[in-house]
Amino acid sequence: MSTPLRTLDTHLPSWLDPQCLAQGLNPFPPTTHCFDDPPGLLALSDRITPALLRQAYPQGIFPWSAEDEPVTWWSPEPRAVLYTDQIKIRRSLKQAWRQQPWQITFNHALAQVLNHCASCPRPGQDGTWLRQDLQHSLLELHQQSYVHSVEVWRDDQLVGGLYGLSFGQMFFGESMFSLVPNASKLALVALTVHLQDWGWPMIDCQVTSDHLMSMGAVELARPDFEAQLQHQVTLRQRPQQDWIINPNLLAKALGHKDADHA
């Protein structure tokens, strides 16, 4: 007999019990309880806190909801991931890198990156899911080396970037923005080649998009994703001070800059 579909017509989502965290317990139900419709919905809460994020991400769970709504927690299937040794770098991106005075940094301007990710218009979205309690939690976790940003600069102006969380040796990509062509792609390339160099095999991209698929992302079934995730999050965390751009890695991936833009 087939398992009945879990939908909002037949089931109620679980509300997270804040007392579980106080007692050292996992507040999230198993991801096998995720809804079929809406696909990947797992649970609800009234707010986002750093403690909830620390529990959620190592289990492959993340929040996604607007400011004036209950917090919804998700674990989608299939899961989009980017293996760090499989990123696709187009010739046009290498050309753009060589011809413009780009600079790339790690962890220099997280607050600005968050603001841009929250405010940049996106197709099909009227508001932002980067609500205030999420931003405050991310900034707090940044001080604990769990949240990282990649910044892309041109003429000393921030023109693109991304941010995400890391637990163990697993990076969870959250959002990116681009104020000029190619900036977010350069941020993703810079992140990926450094993670590969450090021995981190995979970036969680959550859900697919044409942009991510064009750069090499693939889809995994939830059990396959979780099997790899469970190993990676147990490995040694990389300290914040060791997130340093290696120009040689950028040159190897993107080419050496033209003399006028070095």
C-alpha atoms as a PDB file:
ATOM      1  CA  MET A   1       0.000   0.000   0.000  1.00  0.00           C
ATOM      2  CA  SER A   2       1.396   3.410  -0.953  1.00  0.00           C
ATOM      3  CA  THR A   3       2.039   6.040   1.709  1.00  0.00           C
ATOM      4  CA  PRO A   4      -0.671   8.749   1.760  1.00  0.00           C
ATOM      5  CA  LEU A   5       0.475  12.145   0.542  1.00  0.00           C
ATOM      6  CA  ARG A   6       1.149  14.727   3.222  1.00  0.00           C
ATOM      7  CA  THR A   7      -0.670  17.923   2.271  1.00  0.00           C
ATOM      8  CA  LEU A   8      -2.138  20.863   4.146  1.00  0.00           C
ATOM      9  CA  ASP A   9      -5.558  19.337   3.491  1.00  0.00           C
ATOM     10  CA  THR A  10      -4.689  16.172   5.391  1.00  0.00           C
ATOM     11  CA  HIS A  11      -1.992  17.152   7.924  1.00  0.00           C
ATOM     12  CA  LEU A  12      -1.016  20.063  10.123  1.00  0.00           C
ATOM     13  CA  PRO A  13       2.640  21.161  10.172  1.00  0.00           C
ATOM     14  CA  SER A  14       4.475  20.699  13.459  1.00  0.00           C
ATOM     15  CA  TRP A  15       5.128  23.802  15.559  1.00  0.00           C
ATOM     16  CA  LEU A  16       8.610  23.774  17.021  1.00  0.00           C
ATOM     17  CA  ASP A  17       8.746  23.573  20.804  1.00  0.00           C
ATOM     18  CA  PRO A  18      11.241  26.155  22.168  1.00  0.00           C
ATOM     19  CA  GLN A  19      11.595  24.078  25.331  1.00  0.00           C
ATOM     20  CA  CYS A  20      13.362  21.378  23.323  1.00  0.00           C
ATOM     21  CA  LEU A  21      16.380  23.623  22.791  1.00  0.00           C
ATOM     22  CA  ALA A  22      16.468  24.532  26.469  1.00  0.00           C
ATOM     23  CA  GLN A  23      16.547  20.814  27.288  1.00  0.00           C
ATOM     24  CA  GLY A  24      19.243  20.055  24.718  1.00  0.00           C
ATOM     25  CA  LEU A  25      16.822  18.229  22.428  1.00  0.00           C
ATOM     26  CA  ASN A  26      16.352  18.448  18.656  1.00  0.00           C
ATOM     27  CA  PRO A  27      13.171  20.483  18.053  1.00  0.00           C
ATOM     28  CA  PHE A  28      12.746  19.399  14.421  1.00  0.00           C
ATOM     29  CA  PRO A  29      10.719  16.379  13.293  1.00  0.00           C
ATOM     30  CA  PRO A  30      12.420  13.876  10.946  1.00  0.00           C
ATOM     31  CA  THR A  31      12.670  15.067   7.354  1.00  0.00           C
ATOM     32  CA  THR A  32      10.655  12.005   6.349  1.00  0.00           C
ATOM     33  CA  HIS A  33       7.716  14.053   7.696  1.00  0.00           C
ATOM     34  CA  CYS A  34       8.159  16.703   4.991  1.00  0.00           C
ATOM     35  CA  PHE A  35       5.034  17.620   3.090  1.00  0.00           C
ATOM     36  CA  ASP A  36       4.415  16.565  -0.478  1.00  0.00           C
ATOM     37  CA  ASP A  37       2.354  19.727  -1.012  1.00  0.00           C
ATOM     38  CA  PRO A  38       3.804  22.255  -0.502  1.00  0.00           C
ATOM     39  CA  PRO A  39       6.854  20.147  -1.317  1.00  0.00           C
ATOM     40  CA  GLY A  40       9.525  20.138   1.371  1.00  0.00           C
ATOM     41  CA  LEU A  41       7.608  21.955   4.121  1.00  0.00           C
ATOM     42  CA  LEU A  42       8.594  20.441   7.468  1.00  0.00           C
ATOM     43  CA  ALA A  43       7.646  22.663  10.409  1.00  0.00           C
ATOM     44  CA  LEU A  44       6.622  26.107  11.667  1.00  0.00           C
ATOM     45  CA  SER A  45       7.883  28.436  14.380  1.00  0.00           C
ATOM     46  CA  ASP A  46       7.080  31.938  15.570  1.00  0.00           C
ATOM     47  CA  ARG A  47      10.629  33.280  15.087  1.00  0.00           C
ATOM     48  CA  ILE A  48      14.169  32.526  13.930  1.00  0.00           C
ATOM     49  CA  THR A  49      16.997  32.341  16.450  1.00  0.00           C
ATOM     50  CA  PRO A  50      20.704  31.495  16.180  1.00  0.00           C
ATOM     51  CA  ALA A  51      20.087  28.317  18.198  1.00  0.00           C
ATOM     52  CA  LEU A  52      17.433  27.126  15.739  1.00  0.00           C
ATOM     53  CA  LEU A  53      19.724  27.791  12.781  1.00  0.00           C
ATOM     54  CA  ARG A  54      22.548  25.833  14.452  1.00  0.00           C
ATOM     55  CA  GLN A  55      20.176  22.891  14.835  1.00  0.00           C
ATOM     56  CA  ALA A  56      18.544  23.176  11.411  1.00  0.00           C
ATOM     57  CA  TYR A  57      21.343  23.458   8.884  1.00  0.00           C
ATOM     58  CA  PRO A  58      23.379  20.383   9.879  1.00  0.00           C
ATOM     59  CA  GLN A  59      20.151  18.430   9.265  1.00  0.00           C
ATOM     60  CA  GLY A  60      19.605  20.012   5.855  1.00  0.00           C
ATOM     61  CA  ILE A  61      16.730  22.204   7.069  1.00  0.00           C
ATOM     62  CA  PHE A  62      16.427  25.936   6.420  1.00  0.00           C
ATOM     63  CA  PRO A  63      13.899  28.762   7.016  1.00  0.00           C
ATOM     64  CA  TRP A  64      12.102  30.540   4.196  1.00  0.00           C
ATOM     65  CA  SER A  65       9.265  32.951   4.912  1.00  0.00           C
ATOM     66  CA  ALA A  66       8.342  36.619   4.741  1.00  0.00           C
ATOM     67  CA  GLU A  67       8.568  39.110   7.605  1.00  0.00           C
ATOM     68  CA  ASP A  68       4.886  39.079   8.595  1.00  0.00           C
ATOM     69  CA  GLU A  69       4.334  35.305   8.383  1.00  0.00           C
ATOM     70  CA  PRO A  70       5.014  32.356  10.688  1.00  0.00           C
ATOM     71  CA  VAL A  71       8.480  30.945  10.016  1.00  0.00           C
ATOM     72  CA  THR A  72       8.348  27.963   7.679  1.00  0.00           C
ATOM     73  CA  TRP A  73      11.188  25.397   7.747  1.00  0.00           C
ATOM     74  CA  TRP A  74      12.010  23.361   4.643  1.00  0.00           C
ATOM     75  CA  SER A  75      13.924  20.353   3.354  1.00  0.00           C
ATOM     76  CA  PRO A  76      13.159  20.149  -0.379  1.00  0.00           C
ATOM     77  CA  GLU A  77      13.446  17.106  -2.606  1.00  0.00           C
ATOM     78  CA  PRO A  78      15.202  16.931  -4.957  1.00  0.00           C
ATOM     79  CA  ARG A  79      18.041  18.952  -3.465  1.00  0.00           C
ATOM     80  CA  ALA A  80      20.259  21.168  -5.608  1.00  0.00           C
ATOM     81  CA  VAL A  81      23.978  20.866  -4.918  1.00  0.00           C
ATOM     82  CA  LEU A  82      27.152  22.006  -6.610  1.00  0.00           C
ATOM     83  CA  TYR A  83      30.133  19.682  -6.371  1.00  0.00           C
ATOM     84  CA  THR A  84      33.162  21.906  -6.042  1.00  0.00           C
ATOM     85  CA  ASP A  85      35.170  19.988  -8.651  1.00  0.00           C
ATOM     86  CA  GLN A  86      32.388  20.259 -11.233  1.00  0.00           C
ATOM     87  CA  ILE A  87      31.792  24.003 -11.517  1.00  0.00           C
ATOM     88  CA  LYS A  88      31.422  25.238 -15.086  1.00  0.00           C
ATOM     89  CA  ILE A  89      33.247  28.479 -15.894  1.00  0.00           C
ATOM     90  CA  ARG A  90      32.330  29.941 -19.251  1.00  0.00           C
ATOM     91  CA  ARG A  91      34.872  31.592 -21.493  1.00  0.00           C
ATOM     92  CA  SER A  92      32.876  34.845 -21.376  1.00  0.00           C
ATOM     93  CA  LEU A  93      33.240  34.966 -17.579  1.00  0.00           C
ATOM     94  CA  LYS A  94      36.998  34.487 -17.820  1.00  0.00           C
ATOM     95  CA  GLN A  95      37.122  37.287 -20.356  1.00  0.00           C
ATOM     96  CA  ALA A  96      35.098  39.588 -18.092  1.00  0.00           C
ATOM     97  CA  TRP A  97      37.449  38.783 -15.186  1.00  0.00           C
ATOM     98  CA  ARG A  98      40.522  39.709 -17.197  1.00  0.00           C
ATOM     99  CA  GLN A  99      39.119  42.964 -18.559  1.00  0.00           C
ATOM    100  CA  GLN A 100      37.723  44.640 -15.430  1.00  0.00           C
ATOM    101  CA  PRO A 101      39.371  45.738 -12.137  1.00  0.00           C
ATOM    102  CA  TRP A 102      37.547  43.193  -9.961  1.00  0.00           C
ATOM    103  CA  GLN A 103      38.535  42.468  -6.374  1.00  0.00           C
ATOM    104  CA  ILE A 104      37.118  39.600  -4.319  1.00  0.00           C
ATOM    105  CA  THR A 105      37.130  39.258  -0.536  1.00  0.00           C
ATOM    106  CA  PHE A 106      35.800  36.924   2.135  1.00  0.00           C
ATOM    107  CA  ASN A 107      33.920  38.177   5.202  1.00  0.00           C
ATOM    108  CA  HIS A 108      34.596  41.880   4.704  1.00  0.00           C
ATOM    109  CA  ALA A 109      31.038  43.210   4.388  1.00  0.00           C
ATOM    110  CA  LEU A 110      28.433  40.663   5.477  1.00  0.00           C
ATOM    111  CA  ALA A 111      25.895  43.279   6.588  1.00  0.00           C
ATOM    112  CA  GLN A 112      26.064  44.985   3.196  1.00  0.00           C
ATOM    113  CA  VAL A 113      25.716  41.666   1.390  1.00  0.00           C
ATOM    114  CA  LEU A 114      22.646  40.821   3.467  1.00  0.00           C
ATOM    115  CA  ASN A 115      21.096  44.208   2.715  1.00  0.00           C
ATOM    116  CA  HIS A 116      21.652  43.801  -1.011  1.00  0.00           C
ATOM    117  CA  CYS A 117      20.329  40.229  -1.028  1.00  0.00           C
ATOM    118  CA  ALA A 118      17.228  41.422   0.827  1.00  0.00           C
ATOM    119  CA  SER A 119      16.562  44.415  -1.421  1.00  0.00           C
ATOM    120  CA  CYS A 120      17.453  43.188  -4.911  1.00  0.00           C
ATOM    121  CA  PRO A 121      14.285  42.583  -7.001  1.00  0.00           C
ATOM    122  CA  ARG A 122      13.710  38.930  -7.871  1.00  0.00           C
ATOM    123  CA  PRO A 123      11.252  37.455 -10.393  1.00  0.00           C
ATOM    124  CA  GLY A 124       8.099  36.151  -8.721  1.00  0.00           C
ATOM    125  CA  GLN A 125       8.845  37.705  -5.311  1.00  0.00           C
ATOM    126  CA  ASP A 126       7.050  40.776  -4.014  1.00  0.00           C
ATOM    127  CA  GLY A 127       8.964  40.971  -0.734  1.00  0.00           C
ATOM    128  CA  THR A 128      11.960  39.452   0.979  1.00  0.00           C
ATOM    129  CA  TRP A 129      12.420  36.243   2.949  1.00  0.00           C
ATOM    130  CA  LEU A 130      15.514  37.782   4.586  1.00  0.00           C
ATOM    131  CA  ARG A 131      13.463  38.950   7.537  1.00  0.00           C
ATOM    132  CA  GLN A 132      14.920  40.941  10.413  1.00  0.00           C
ATOM    133  CA  ASP A 133      15.171  38.079  12.908  1.00  0.00           C
ATOM    134  CA  LEU A 134      17.019  36.033  10.287  1.00  0.00           C
ATOM    135  CA  GLN A 135      19.463  38.840   9.540  1.00  0.00           C
ATOM    136  CA  HIS A 136      20.129  39.410  13.246  1.00  0.00           C
ATOM    137  CA  SER A 137      20.707  35.678  13.759  1.00  0.00           C
ATOM    138  CA  LEU A 138      23.075  35.503  10.794  1.00  0.00           C
ATOM    139  CA  LEU A 139      25.139  38.413  12.059  1.00  0.00           C
ATOM    140  CA  GLU A 140      25.426  36.743  15.464  1.00  0.00           C
ATOM    141  CA  LEU A 141      26.468  33.424  13.903  1.00  0.00           C
ATOM    142  CA  HIS A 142      29.003  35.286  11.765  1.00  0.00           C
ATOM    143  CA  GLN A 143      30.834  36.130  14.994  1.00  0.00           C
ATOM    144  CA  GLN A 144      30.979  32.390  15.715  1.00  0.00           C
ATOM    145  CA  SER A 145      32.444  31.491  12.272  1.00  0.00           C
ATOM    146  CA  TYR A 146      29.224  29.877  11.035  1.00  0.00           C
ATOM    147  CA  VAL A 147      28.211  32.529   8.478  1.00  0.00           C
ATOM    148  CA  HIS A 148      30.411  33.759   5.645  1.00  0.00           C
ATOM    149  CA  SER A 149      30.176  36.260   2.826  1.00  0.00           C
ATOM    150  CA  VAL A 150      31.928  36.643  -0.502  1.00  0.00           C
ATOM    151  CA  GLU A 151      32.200  40.206  -1.764  1.00  0.00           C
ATOM    152  CA  VAL A 152      32.925  41.311  -5.328  1.00  0.00           C
ATOM    153  CA  TRP A 153      34.245  44.861  -5.716  1.00  0.00           C
ATOM    154  CA  ARG A 154      34.909  47.075  -8.715  1.00  0.00           C
ATOM    155  CA  ASP A 155      36.549  50.463  -8.317  1.00  0.00           C
ATOM    156  CA  ASP A 156      36.153  50.037  -4.535  1.00  0.00           C
ATOM    157  CA  GLN A 157      32.374  49.629  -4.881  1.00  0.00           C
ATOM    158  CA  LEU A 158      30.533  46.499  -3.752  1.00  0.00           C
ATOM    159  CA  VAL A 159      28.867  45.211  -6.926  1.00  0.00           C
ATOM    160  CA  GLY A 160      28.022  41.611  -6.105  1.00  0.00           C
ATOM    161  CA  GLY A 161      28.379  38.806  -3.638  1.00  0.00           C
ATOM    162  CA  LEU A 162      26.821  35.944  -1.790  1.00  0.00           C
ATOM    163  CA  TYR A 163      26.527  34.561   1.708  1.00  0.00           C
ATOM    164  CA  GLY A 164      25.941  31.222   3.343  1.00  0.00           C
ATOM    165  CA  LEU A 165      26.509  29.123   6.429  1.00  0.00           C
ATOM    166  CA  SER A 166      29.114  26.487   7.147  1.00  0.00           C
ATOM    167  CA  PHE A 167      29.013  23.618   9.596  1.00  0.00           C
ATOM    168  CA  GLY A 168      31.925  21.230   9.673  1.00  0.00           C
ATOM    169  CA  GLN A 169      33.123  21.156   6.071  1.00  0.00           C
ATOM    170  CA  MET A 170      29.759  21.739   4.425  1.00  0.00           C
ATOM    171  CA  PHE A 171      28.780  25.081   2.908  1.00  0.00           C
ATOM    172  CA  PHE A 172      25.112  26.021   2.658  1.00  0.00           C
ATOM    173  CA  GLY A 173      24.645  28.671  -0.012  1.00  0.00           C
ATOM    174  CA  GLU A 174      21.812  31.036   0.832  1.00  0.00           C
ATOM    175  CA  SER A 175      21.570  33.997  -1.521  1.00  0.00           C
ATOM    176  CA  MET A 176      23.542  36.093  -3.977  1.00  0.00           C
ATOM    177  CA  PHE A 177      23.170  39.442  -5.670  1.00  0.00           C
ATOM    178  CA  SER A 178      24.654  41.236  -8.637  1.00  0.00           C
ATOM    179  CA  LEU A 179      24.561  44.945  -9.388  1.00  0.00           C
ATOM    180  CA  VAL A 180      26.599  44.537 -12.586  1.00  0.00           C
ATOM    181  CA  PRO A 181      26.825  41.603 -15.012  1.00  0.00           C
ATOM    182  CA  ASN A 182      28.888  38.597 -13.886  1.00  0.00           C
ATOM    183  CA  ALA A 183      29.465  39.757 -10.293  1.00  0.00           C
ATOM    184  CA  SER A 184      27.497  36.981  -8.561  1.00  0.00           C
ATOM    185  CA  LYS A 185      29.028  34.381 -10.882  1.00  0.00           C
ATOM    186  CA  LEU A 186      32.511  35.538  -9.910  1.00  0.00           C
ATOM    187  CA  ALA A 187      31.539  35.293  -6.235  1.00  0.00           C
ATOM    188  CA  LEU A 188      30.382  31.699  -6.719  1.00  0.00           C
ATOM    189  CA  VAL A 189      33.506  30.744  -8.654  1.00  0.00           C
ATOM    190  CA  ALA A 190      35.754  32.271  -5.993  1.00  0.00           C
ATOM    191  CA  LEU A 191      33.944  30.428  -3.222  1.00  0.00           C
ATOM    192  CA  THR A 192      33.912  27.121  -5.088  1.00  0.00           C
ATOM    193  CA  VAL A 193      37.593  27.013  -6.034  1.00  0.00           C
ATOM    194  CA  HIS A 194      38.610  27.823  -2.453  1.00  0.00           C
ATOM    195  CA  LEU A 195      36.308  25.184  -0.981  1.00  0.00           C
ATOM    196  CA  GLN A 196      37.701  22.649  -3.434  1.00  0.00           C
ATOM    197  CA  ASP A 197      41.244  23.580  -2.435  1.00  0.00           C
ATOM    198  CA  TRP A 198      40.311  23.128   1.236  1.00  0.00           C
ATOM    199  CA  GLY A 199      38.842  19.675   0.555  1.00  0.00           C
ATOM    200  CA  TRP A 200      35.165  20.605   0.845  1.00  0.00           C
ATOM    201  CA  PRO A 201      33.350  18.570  -1.829  1.00  0.00           C
ATOM    202  CA  MET A 202      29.910  20.136  -2.013  1.00  0.00           C
ATOM    203  CA  ILE A 203      27.828  23.315  -1.733  1.00  0.00           C
ATOM    204  CA  ASP A 204      24.161  23.037  -0.816  1.00  0.00           C
ATOM    205  CA  CYS A 205      22.196  25.204  -3.260  1.00  0.00           C
ATOM    206  CA  GLN A 206      18.783  24.229  -1.831  1.00  0.00           C
ATOM    207  CA  VAL A 207      16.625  24.439  -4.986  1.00  0.00           C
ATOM    208  CA  THR A 208      17.505  24.530  -8.659  1.00  0.00           C
ATOM    209  CA  SER A 209      17.607  27.599 -10.863  1.00  0.00           C
ATOM    210  CA  ASP A 210      18.719  28.117 -14.443  1.00  0.00           C
ATOM    211  CA  HIS A 211      21.622  30.204 -13.144  1.00  0.00           C
ATOM    212  CA  LEU A 212      22.905  27.456 -10.838  1.00  0.00           C
ATOM    213  CA  MET A 213      22.351  24.660 -13.330  1.00  0.00           C
ATOM    214  CA  SER A 214      24.339  26.584 -15.947  1.00  0.00           C
ATOM    215  CA  MET A 215      27.265  26.622 -13.509  1.00  0.00           C
ATOM    216  CA  GLY A 216      27.177  22.897 -12.836  1.00  0.00           C
ATOM    217  CA  ALA A 217      24.618  22.301 -10.085  1.00  0.00           C
ATOM    218  CA  VAL A 218      22.875  18.920 -10.005  1.00  0.00           C
ATOM    219  CA  GLU A 219      19.944  17.446  -8.103  1.00  0.00           C
ATOM    220  CA  LEU A 220      20.117  14.765  -5.412  1.00  0.00           C
ATOM    221  CA  ALA A 221      17.373  12.770  -3.744  1.00  0.00           C
ATOM    222  CA  ARG A 222      16.958  13.807  -0.121  1.00  0.00           C
ATOM    223  CA  PRO A 223      18.381  10.537   1.346  1.00  0.00           C
ATOM    224  CA  ASP A 224      21.498  10.826  -0.849  1.00  0.00           C
ATOM    225  CA  PHE A 225      21.990  14.456   0.109  1.00  0.00           C
ATOM    226  CA  GLU A 226      21.542  13.727   3.822  1.00  0.00           C
ATOM    227  CA  ALA A 227      23.989  10.805   3.712  1.00  0.00           C
ATOM    228  CA  GLN A 228      26.745  13.075   2.411  1.00  0.00           C
ATOM    229  CA  LEU A 229      25.696  15.928   4.685  1.00  0.00           C
ATOM    230  CA  GLN A 230      25.882  13.808   7.847  1.00  0.00           C
ATOM    231  CA  HIS A 231      29.549  13.067   7.179  1.00  0.00           C
ATOM    232  CA  GLN A 232      30.619  16.577   6.169  1.00  0.00           C
ATOM    233  CA  VAL A 233      29.153  18.356   9.199  1.00  0.00           C
ATOM    234  CA  THR A 234      31.208  16.186  11.580  1.00  0.00           C
ATOM    235  CA  LEU A 235      34.522  17.391  10.138  1.00  0.00           C
ATOM    236  CA  ARG A 236      36.680  20.176  11.566  1.00  0.00           C
ATOM    237  CA  GLN A 237      35.221  23.670  11.230  1.00  0.00           C
ATOM    238  CA  ARG A 238      37.453  26.179   9.426  1.00  0.00           C
ATOM    239  CA  PRO A 239      38.159  29.222  11.626  1.00  0.00           C
ATOM    240  CA  GLN A 240      37.008  32.603  10.325  1.00  0.00           C
ATOM    241  CA  GLN A 241      40.553  33.951  10.193  1.00  0.00           C
ATOM    242  CA  ASP A 242      41.516  31.191   7.745  1.00  0.00           C
ATOM    243  CA  TRP A 243      38.981  32.347   5.146  1.00  0.00           C
ATOM    244  CA  ILE A 244      41.505  34.208   3.007  1.00  0.00           C
ATOM    245  CA  ILE A 245      41.428  34.768  -0.751  1.00  0.00           C
ATOM    246  CA  ASN A 246      44.273  33.012  -2.560  1.00  0.00           C
ATOM    247  CA  PRO A 247      44.977  35.003  -5.763  1.00  0.00           C
ATOM    248  CA  ASN A 248      46.678  31.975  -7.320  1.00  0.00           C
ATOM    249  CA  LEU A 249      43.448  29.984  -7.145  1.00  0.00           C
ATOM    250  CA  LEU A 250      41.546  32.785  -8.866  1.00  0.00           C
ATOM    251  CA  ALA A 251      44.211  33.058 -11.564  1.00  0.00           C
ATOM    252  CA  LYS A 252      44.140  29.297 -12.142  1.00  0.00           C
ATOM    253  CA  ALA A 253      40.337  29.225 -12.474  1.00  0.00           C
ATOM    254  CA  LEU A 254      39.714  32.523 -14.272  1.00  0.00           C
ATOM    255  CA  GLY A 255      43.038  33.422 -15.873  1.00  0.00           C
ATOM    256  CA  HIS A 256      45.528  36.190 -15.216  1.00  0.00           C
ATOM    257  CA  LYS A 257      44.218  39.741 -15.435  1.00  0.00           C
ATOM    258  CA  ASP A 258      45.199  41.983 -18.317  1.00  0.00           C
ATOM    259  CA  ALA A 259      48.020  44.325 -17.339  1.00  0.00           C
ATOM    260  CA  ASP A 260      45.736  47.382 -17.183  1.00  0.00           C
ATOM    261  CA  HIS A 261      43.423  45.671 -14.647  1.00  0.00           C
ATOM    262  CA  ALA A 262      45.815  43.659 -12.480  1.00  0.00           C
END
